């Protein structure tokens, strides 16, 4: 995911009790064994990147939803299969932080029809305690399918179009302002 820090939430599937931790990427890697023990005891392991990353999660997509995202130029930066045929898609909106207003516009425009952006996604490599057991009687693992870390191509184009539109609007406002101002030479006579 490329973030410097992550928030990890461990939720016990039966009691709903939650434990939250904020870790650096290195601390998260060092904590994997501890997370595995909690997962084996019935804890769901969820994650979200913090600060400085423009990743947004679209949760619970099926294969058709993923294909629809890709066909619209919105290839996810990270895809995790959370249970058989169901996916979390992390969409990268930019390489640099965006203003909240711009981020909201992007989310509304680009992700229309895909549901709401979610806060936390399943951490790959851990079992999904909320899913029904599979044929072997075990909970399904959250499996990493793809991790390019790339900004979706349609987002890049949309941002470029938005910046051009803003420049055009500014140029138009300048032209209108200049047309309304009296010519300084004609006032001096």
Protein backbone atom coordinates (compact mmCIF):
# COMPACT_ATOMS: atom_id res chain seq x y z
CA UNK A 1 0.00 0.00 0.00
CA UNK A 2 3.00 2.25 0.39
CA UNK A 3 1.86 4.12 3.50
CA UNK A 4 4.23 5.07 6.28
CA UNK A 5 1.70 4.25 9.01
CA UNK A 6 -1.28 1.92 9.35
CA UNK A 7 -4.15 1.52 11.73
CA UNK A 8 -4.84 -2.12 12.51
CA UNK A 9 -8.14 -3.13 14.11
CA UNK A 10 -8.59 -6.57 15.66
CA UNK A 11 -12.27 -7.37 16.17
CA UNK A 12 -13.29 -10.55 17.95
CA UNK A 13 -15.96 -12.06 15.68
CA UNK A 14 -18.10 -13.41 18.55
CA UNK A 15 -17.86 -10.64 21.16
CA UNK A 16 -17.29 -7.61 18.92
CA UNK A 17 -14.52 -6.44 21.26
CA UNK A 18 -12.01 -4.27 19.38
CA UNK A 19 -8.31 -3.56 19.81
CA UNK A 20 -6.73 -0.78 17.73
CA UNK A 21 -3.06 -0.25 17.04
CA UNK A 22 -1.26 2.35 14.97
CA UNK A 23 1.94 1.00 13.48
CA UNK A 24 4.63 1.89 11.00
CA UNK A 25 5.06 -0.52 8.10
CA UNK A 26 8.05 -2.11 9.90
CA UNK A 27 6.09 -2.46 13.15
CA UNK A 28 3.22 -4.07 11.25
CA UNK A 29 5.57 -6.63 9.75
CA UNK A 30 7.10 -7.29 13.17
CA UNK A 31 3.60 -7.79 14.64
CA UNK A 32 2.46 -10.44 12.15
CA UNK A 33 3.02 -13.37 14.55
CA UNK A 34 0.99 -11.65 17.28
CA UNK A 35 -1.78 -10.90 14.75
CA UNK A 36 -1.76 -14.55 13.62
CA UNK A 37 -2.35 -15.70 17.20
CA UNK A 38 -5.26 -13.28 17.61
CA UNK A 39 -6.67 -14.35 14.26
CA UNK A 40 -6.47 -18.02 15.26
CA UNK A 41 -8.44 -17.16 18.43
CA UNK A 42 -11.32 -15.66 16.40
CA UNK A 43 -10.10 -12.12 15.74
CA UNK A 44 -10.71 -10.42 12.39
CA UNK A 45 -7.67 -8.42 11.28
CA UNK A 46 -8.54 -5.20 9.44
CA UNK A 47 -6.26 -2.43 8.21
CA UNK A 48 -6.24 1.03 6.70
CA UNK A 49 -3.36 3.24 5.62
CA UNK A 50 -2.90 6.51 7.51
CA UNK A 51 -1.72 9.94 6.41
CA UNK A 52 0.02 10.81 3.19
CA UNK A 53 -1.62 8.14 1.10
CA UNK A 54 -4.52 8.61 -1.24
CA UNK A 55 -5.83 5.04 -1.10
CA UNK A 56 -9.57 4.54 -0.76
CA UNK A 57 -11.30 1.22 -0.30
CA UNK A 58 -14.27 -0.11 -2.22
CA UNK A 59 -15.36 -3.19 -0.28
CA UNK A 60 -17.35 -6.30 -1.18
CA UNK A 61 -16.99 -6.26 -4.95
CA UNK A 62 -17.63 -9.37 -7.00
CA UNK A 63 -15.60 -10.30 -10.11
CA UNK A 64 -18.02 -8.36 -12.35
CA UNK A 65 -17.53 -5.26 -10.19
CA UNK A 66 -13.74 -5.58 -10.50
CA UNK A 67 -14.01 -5.98 -14.27
CA UNK A 68 -16.28 -2.91 -14.43
CA UNK A 69 -13.71 -0.90 -12.47
CA UNK A 70 -10.93 -1.96 -14.83
CA UNK A 71 -13.02 -1.23 -17.94
CA UNK A 72 -13.56 2.34 -16.67
CA UNK A 73 -9.81 2.82 -16.24
CA UNK A 74 -10.01 2.40 -12.48
CA UNK A 75 -7.68 -0.54 -12.00
CA UNK A 76 -7.20 -0.94 -8.23
CA UNK A 77 -3.76 -0.48 -6.71
CA UNK A 78 -4.41 -3.42 -4.36
CA UNK A 79 -6.96 -6.24 -4.59
CA UNK A 80 -7.67 -8.63 -1.71
CA UNK A 81 -10.12 -11.52 -2.05
CA UNK A 82 -11.87 -11.50 1.32
CA UNK A 83 -13.90 -14.66 0.72
CA UNK A 84 -14.53 -16.74 -2.37
CA UNK A 85 -15.56 -14.40 -5.17
CA UNK A 86 -15.67 -11.25 -3.00
CA UNK A 87 -13.00 -8.57 -3.14
CA UNK A 88 -11.71 -5.44 -1.43
CA UNK A 89 -10.32 -3.00 -4.00
CA UNK A 90 -7.97 -0.25 -2.84
CA UNK A 91 -8.09 2.63 -5.33
CA UNK A 92 -5.10 4.97 -5.48
CA UNK A 93 -6.27 8.48 -6.29
CA UNK A 94 -2.90 10.25 -6.42
CA UNK A 95 0.77 9.98 -5.56
CA UNK A 96 0.58 13.16 -3.46
CA UNK A 97 -2.01 14.19 -0.83
CA UNK A 98 -5.13 15.84 -2.26
CA UNK A 99 -7.31 18.47 -0.69
CA UNK A 100 -10.38 16.97 1.02
CA UNK A 101 -12.68 18.80 -1.43
CA UNK A 102 -10.85 17.43 -4.47
CA UNK A 103 -10.76 13.95 -2.96
CA UNK A 104 -14.54 14.07 -2.40
CA UNK A 105 -15.15 15.16 -6.01
CA UNK A 106 -12.95 12.34 -7.30
CA UNK A 107 -14.67 9.73 -5.16
CA UNK A 108 -18.14 10.91 -6.17
CA UNK A 109 -17.33 11.00 -9.90
CA UNK A 110 -15.10 8.01 -10.37
CA UNK A 111 -16.67 5.52 -8.01
CA UNK A 112 -20.30 6.19 -8.88
CA UNK A 113 -22.10 2.85 -9.09
CA UNK A 114 -19.57 0.91 -7.03
CA UNK A 115 -20.93 1.60 -3.57
CA UNK A 116 -19.42 3.60 -0.77
CA UNK A 117 -15.78 3.85 0.07
CA UNK A 118 -15.11 1.87 3.25
CA UNK A 119 -12.71 2.65 6.09
CA UNK A 120 -11.00 -0.70 6.77
CA UNK A 121 -10.14 -3.67 4.60
CA UNK A 122 -9.06 -7.18 5.46
CA UNK A 123 -5.36 -7.76 5.85
CA UNK A 124 -4.22 -10.39 3.36
CA UNK A 125 -2.96 -13.65 4.82
CA UNK A 126 -5.44 -13.82 7.69
CA UNK A 127 -8.71 -15.72 7.94
CA UNK A 128 -12.03 -13.97 7.55
CA UNK A 129 -13.78 -14.84 10.81
CA UNK A 130 -17.13 -13.42 9.63
CA UNK A 131 -17.34 -15.54 6.47
CA UNK A 132 -19.02 -18.91 6.41
CA UNK A 133 -16.66 -21.85 6.71
CA UNK A 134 -15.61 -23.40 3.42
CA UNK A 135 -15.99 -27.07 2.41
CA UNK A 136 -13.07 -28.04 4.66
CA UNK A 137 -14.81 -26.48 7.66
CA UNK A 138 -12.31 -23.63 7.89
CA UNK A 139 -12.68 -19.89 7.55
CA UNK A 140 -11.45 -18.55 4.18
CA UNK A 141 -8.16 -16.67 3.99
CA UNK A 142 -8.02 -13.11 2.70
CA UNK A 143 -5.83 -13.53 -0.37
CA UNK A 144 -3.76 -10.84 -2.08
CA UNK A 145 -4.55 -10.90 -5.81
CA UNK A 146 -2.80 -7.78 -7.03
CA UNK A 147 -0.63 -5.00 -5.61
CA UNK A 148 0.62 -2.62 -8.28
CA UNK A 149 0.44 0.46 -6.08
CA UNK A 150 -0.35 2.51 -9.20
CA UNK A 151 -2.71 5.46 -9.54
CA UNK A 152 -5.68 4.42 -11.68
CA UNK A 153 -5.28 5.80 -15.26
CA UNK A 154 -8.76 7.35 -15.32
CA UNK A 155 -7.95 9.29 -12.15
CA UNK A 156 -4.87 10.81 -13.76
CA UNK A 157 -6.91 11.87 -16.81
CA UNK A 158 -9.75 13.21 -14.68
CA UNK A 159 -7.34 15.30 -12.59
CA UNK A 160 -5.72 16.67 -15.75
CA UNK A 161 -9.17 17.57 -17.15
CA UNK A 162 -10.18 19.16 -13.85
CA UNK A 163 -7.00 21.26 -13.73
CA UNK A 164 -7.54 22.38 -17.34
CA UNK A 165 -11.15 23.30 -16.56
CA UNK A 166 -9.97 25.35 -13.57
CA UNK A 167 -7.41 27.16 -15.72
CA UNK A 168 -10.05 27.85 -18.37
CA UNK A 169 -12.42 29.24 -15.73
CA UNK A 170 -9.69 31.49 -14.33
CA UNK A 171 -8.83 32.76 -17.82
CA UNK A 172 -12.52 33.49 -18.47
CA UNK A 173 -12.83 35.35 -15.15
CA UNK A 174 -9.74 37.44 -15.98
CA UNK A 175 -11.14 38.28 -19.40
CA UNK A 176 -14.50 39.28 -17.91
CA UNK A 177 -12.78 41.38 -15.25
CA UNK A 178 -10.64 43.16 -17.83
CA UNK A 179 -13.70 43.89 -19.99
CA UNK A 180 -15.51 45.47 -17.00
CA UNK A 181 -12.64 47.73 -15.93
CA UNK A 182 -12.52 51.07 -17.65
CA UNK A 183 -9.42 51.68 -19.68
CA UNK A 184 -7.01 53.65 -17.51
CA UNK A 185 -5.95 55.82 -20.49
CA UNK A 186 -9.51 56.99 -21.19
CA UNK A 187 -10.01 58.08 -17.53
CA UNK A 188 -6.96 60.31 -17.49
CA UNK A 189 -8.27 62.60 -20.25
